[in-house]
Amino acid sequence: METTAAPGSTADPLAPDQAQRLLRALAEPIRLQVVQALAGGERCVCDLTSDLDLAQSKLSFHLRVLKEVGLIRARQEGRWIYYRLEPSTLLLLRDWLDQLAAVCQSPASPCS
């Protein structure tokens, strides 16, 4: 499959094992809620805990998973940690899905 990078994306295609890790992380409803909560921009962990109605320990587990797969990044300021989405990873995932969409409508070869 030929890879062409979309505007604003990276040139390296998403490896199948990386796609699997990203999709597995997003398949968990709480982690998907976290990603959606971060869609508006960077958020403090205290705000996420409150908005998602989660115990800090439970939220921390899900934030760690998202961070490990590269979907979010964290920065510390004083005693607070702020999280935001990682655009480059989202672009890689988008490009991978675009490639699937582009080739999935190809007709089958005739059977012999």
C-alpha atoms as a PDB file:
ATOM      1  CA  MET A   1       0.000   0.000   0.000  1.00  0.00           C
ATOM      2  CA  GLU A   2       1.481   3.349  -1.022  1.00  0.00           C
ATOM      3  CA  THR A   3       1.596   5.976   1.672  1.00  0.00           C
ATOM      4  CA  THR A   4       0.981   9.636   0.987  1.00  0.00           C
ATOM      5  CA  ALA A   5       1.066  11.976   3.919  1.00  0.00           C
ATOM      6  CA  ALA A   6      -1.893  14.263   4.374  1.00  0.00           C
ATOM      7  CA  PRO A   7      -1.274  17.949   5.015  1.00  0.00           C
ATOM      8  CA  GLY A   8      -0.260  18.486   8.618  1.00  0.00           C
ATOM      9  CA  SER A   9       0.665  14.857   9.198  1.00  0.00           C
ATOM     10  CA  THR A  10       3.948  13.068   9.576  1.00  0.00           C
ATOM     11  CA  ALA A  11       5.545  11.211   6.691  1.00  0.00           C
ATOM     12  CA  ASP A  12       6.026   7.889   8.528  1.00  0.00           C
ATOM     13  CA  PRO A  13       3.031   5.553   8.333  1.00  0.00           C
ATOM     14  CA  LEU A  14       1.495   4.048  11.438  1.00  0.00           C
ATOM     15  CA  ALA A  15       2.854   0.577  12.136  1.00  0.00           C
ATOM     16  CA  PRO A  16       0.199  -2.141  12.588  1.00  0.00           C
ATOM     17  CA  ASP A  17       1.217  -2.828  16.199  1.00  0.00           C
ATOM     18  CA  GLN A  18       1.038   0.886  17.009  1.00  0.00           C
ATOM     19  CA  ALA A  19      -2.430   1.104  15.416  1.00  0.00           C
ATOM     20  CA  GLN A  20      -3.502  -1.839  17.564  1.00  0.00           C
ATOM     21  CA  ARG A  21      -2.239  -0.171  20.765  1.00  0.00           C
ATOM     22  CA  LEU A  22      -3.952   3.119  19.914  1.00  0.00           C
ATOM     23  CA  LEU A  23      -7.267   1.496  19.053  1.00  0.00           C
ATOM     24  CA  ARG A  24      -7.151  -0.686  22.166  1.00  0.00           C
ATOM     25  CA  ALA A  25      -6.556   2.392  24.313  1.00  0.00           C
ATOM     26  CA  LEU A  26      -9.451   4.239  22.673  1.00  0.00           C
ATOM     27  CA  ALA A  27     -11.795   1.252  22.951  1.00  0.00           C
ATOM     28  CA  GLU A  28     -12.133   1.701  26.720  1.00  0.00           C
ATOM     29  CA  PRO A  29     -15.102   4.024  27.410  1.00  0.00           C
ATOM     30  CA  ILE A  30     -13.418   5.978  30.214  1.00  0.00           C
ATOM     31  CA  ARG A  31     -10.319   6.638  28.101  1.00  0.00           C
ATOM     32  CA  LEU A  32     -12.504   7.770  25.218  1.00  0.00           C
ATOM     33  CA  GLN A  33     -14.242  10.171  27.618  1.00  0.00           C
ATOM     34  CA  VAL A  34     -10.844  11.525  28.673  1.00  0.00           C
ATOM     35  CA  VAL A  35      -9.844  12.080  25.039  1.00  0.00           C
ATOM     36  CA  GLN A  36     -13.132  13.844  24.366  1.00  0.00           C
ATOM     37  CA  ALA A  37     -12.659  16.002  27.471  1.00  0.00           C
ATOM     38  CA  LEU A  38      -9.217  17.021  26.197  1.00  0.00           C
ATOM     39  CA  ALA A  39     -10.517  17.865  22.716  1.00  0.00           C
ATOM     40  CA  GLY A  40     -11.117  21.438  23.864  1.00  0.00           C
ATOM     41  CA  GLY A  41      -7.519  21.901  24.979  1.00  0.00           C
ATOM     42  CA  GLU A  42      -5.230  21.329  27.910  1.00  0.00           C
ATOM     43  CA  ARG A  43      -6.880  20.456  31.230  1.00  0.00           C
ATOM     44  CA  CYS A  44      -5.723  20.124  34.804  1.00  0.00           C
ATOM     45  CA  VAL A  45      -6.076  16.663  36.314  1.00  0.00           C
ATOM     46  CA  CYS A  46      -8.218  18.160  39.084  1.00  0.00           C
ATOM     47  CA  ASP A  47     -10.721  19.415  36.462  1.00  0.00           C
ATOM     48  CA  LEU A  48     -10.771  16.061  34.698  1.00  0.00           C
ATOM     49  CA  THR A  49     -11.426  14.251  37.980  1.00  0.00           C
ATOM     50  CA  SER A  50     -14.353  16.526  38.702  1.00  0.00           C
ATOM     51  CA  ASP A  51     -15.814  16.673  35.178  1.00  0.00           C
ATOM     52  CA  LEU A  52     -15.610  12.925  34.606  1.00  0.00           C
ATOM     53  CA  ASP A  53     -16.706  12.083  38.160  1.00  0.00           C
ATOM     54  CA  LEU A  54     -13.802   9.702  38.679  1.00  0.00           C
ATOM     55  CA  ALA A  55     -11.579   8.958  41.641  1.00  0.00           C
ATOM     56  CA  GLN A  56      -8.089  10.331  41.072  1.00  0.00           C
ATOM     57  CA  SER A  57      -6.538   6.844  41.260  1.00  0.00           C
ATOM     58  CA  LYS A  58      -8.872   5.512  38.557  1.00  0.00           C
ATOM     59  CA  LEU A  59      -8.309   8.551  36.337  1.00  0.00           C
ATOM     60  CA  SER A  60      -4.535   8.305  36.839  1.00  0.00           C
ATOM     61  CA  PHE A  61      -4.551   4.723  35.574  1.00  0.00           C
ATOM     62  CA  HIS A  62      -6.375   5.710  32.381  1.00  0.00           C
ATOM     63  CA  LEU A  63      -4.212   8.794  31.858  1.00  0.00           C
ATOM     64  CA  ARG A  64      -1.107   6.603  32.161  1.00  0.00           C
ATOM     65  CA  VAL A  65      -2.395   4.231  29.472  1.00  0.00           C
ATOM     66  CA  LEU A  66      -3.179   7.123  27.123  1.00  0.00           C
ATOM     67  CA  LYS A  67       0.224   8.656  27.782  1.00  0.00           C
ATOM     68  CA  GLU A  68       2.062   5.352  27.190  1.00  0.00           C
ATOM     69  CA  VAL A  69       0.518   4.970  23.717  1.00  0.00           C
ATOM     70  CA  GLY A  70       1.288   8.583  22.879  1.00  0.00           C
ATOM     71  CA  LEU A  71      -2.260   9.940  22.685  1.00  0.00           C
ATOM     72  CA  ILE A  72      -1.703  12.535  25.408  1.00  0.00           C
ATOM     73  CA  ARG A  73       1.145  14.448  26.940  1.00  0.00           C
ATOM     74  CA  ALA A  74       1.515  15.873  30.430  1.00  0.00           C
ATOM     75  CA  ARG A  75       3.266  18.852  31.931  1.00  0.00           C
ATOM     76  CA  GLN A  76       3.661  19.755  35.564  1.00  0.00           C
ATOM     77  CA  GLU A  77       3.237  23.256  36.909  1.00  0.00           C
ATOM     78  CA  GLY A  78       3.735  23.524  40.623  1.00  0.00           C
ATOM     79  CA  ARG A  79       1.768  20.731  42.235  1.00  0.00           C
ATOM     80  CA  TRP A  80      -0.666  20.368  39.318  1.00  0.00           C
ATOM     81  CA  ILE A  81      -0.369  18.205  36.224  1.00  0.00           C
ATOM     82  CA  TYR A  82      -1.937  19.350  32.981  1.00  0.00           C
ATOM     83  CA  TYR A  83      -2.827  17.010  30.134  1.00  0.00           C
ATOM     84  CA  ARG A  84      -3.439  17.610  26.456  1.00  0.00           C
ATOM     85  CA  LEU A  85      -3.915  15.565  23.328  1.00  0.00           C
ATOM     86  CA  GLU A  86      -0.881  14.767  21.191  1.00  0.00           C
ATOM     87  CA  PRO A  87      -1.790  16.043  17.678  1.00  0.00           C
ATOM     88  CA  SER A  88       0.954  14.118  15.862  1.00  0.00           C
ATOM     89  CA  THR A  89      -0.388  10.792  17.134  1.00  0.00           C
ATOM     90  CA  LEU A  90      -3.947  11.737  16.186  1.00  0.00           C
ATOM     91  CA  LEU A  91      -2.730  12.663  12.696  1.00  0.00           C
ATOM     92  CA  LEU A  92      -0.964   9.306  12.346  1.00  0.00           C
ATOM     93  CA  LEU A  93      -4.161   7.500  13.318  1.00  0.00           C
ATOM     94  CA  ARG A  94      -6.220   9.657  10.954  1.00  0.00           C
ATOM     95  CA  ASP A  95      -3.833   8.967   8.062  1.00  0.00           C
ATOM     96  CA  TRP A  96      -3.944   5.233   8.768  1.00  0.00           C
ATOM     97  CA  LEU A  97      -7.760   5.283   8.721  1.00  0.00           C
ATOM     98  CA  ASP A  98      -7.717   7.401   5.539  1.00  0.00           C
ATOM     99  CA  GLN A  99      -5.514   4.792   3.866  1.00  0.00           C
ATOM    100  CA  LEU A 100      -7.917   2.028   4.868  1.00  0.00           C
ATOM    101  CA  ALA A 101     -10.854   4.031   3.535  1.00  0.00           C
ATOM    102  CA  ALA A 102      -9.058   4.650   0.246  1.00  0.00           C
ATOM    103  CA  VAL A 103      -8.377   0.980  -0.479  1.00  0.00           C
ATOM    104  CA  CYS A 104     -11.381  -0.727   1.108  1.00  0.00           C
ATOM    105  CA  GLN A 105     -13.612  -0.094  -1.905  1.00  0.00           C
ATOM    106  CA  SER A 106     -11.345  -1.858  -4.372  1.00  0.00           C
ATOM    107  CA  PRO A 107     -13.202  -4.682  -6.131  1.00  0.00           C
ATOM    108  CA  ALA A 108     -12.061  -8.246  -5.630  1.00  0.00           C
ATOM    109  CA  SER A 109      -9.959  -9.967  -8.245  1.00  0.00           C
ATOM    110  CA  PRO A 110     -11.934 -12.496 -10.284  1.00  0.00           C
ATOM    111  CA  CYS A 111     -11.737 -16.030  -8.945  1.00  0.00           C
ATOM    112  CA  SER A 112     -10.144 -18.547 -11.249  1.00  0.00           C
END
